[in-house]
């Protein structure tokens, strides 16, 4: 069985909700690393986080689902995604 090479994508995740919990940014960074993704946050407020992510689309999907379920001290209302030029 032949598999296609995994294409690396660059995406921006805009996470909105009640995000003031102090554990959320470290949680995102830890889970991105576990998935083998490169990531960095470019904007952080109690209601919005912008995160640049680079890696296979399937793993970015997994990070998005993880963020929706996230730690108990935050509430994620929505995550919007957009393709981005490489900067990581």
Foldseek 3Di string as FASTA:
>chain_A
DDDDDFDKFKKKKKWFFQQPDPCQVVVLVVLCVVLVKDKDWDDDDRTIIIMIIIGGPVSVVVSQVCSCVDDPVIHTPDIDMDTDDDDD
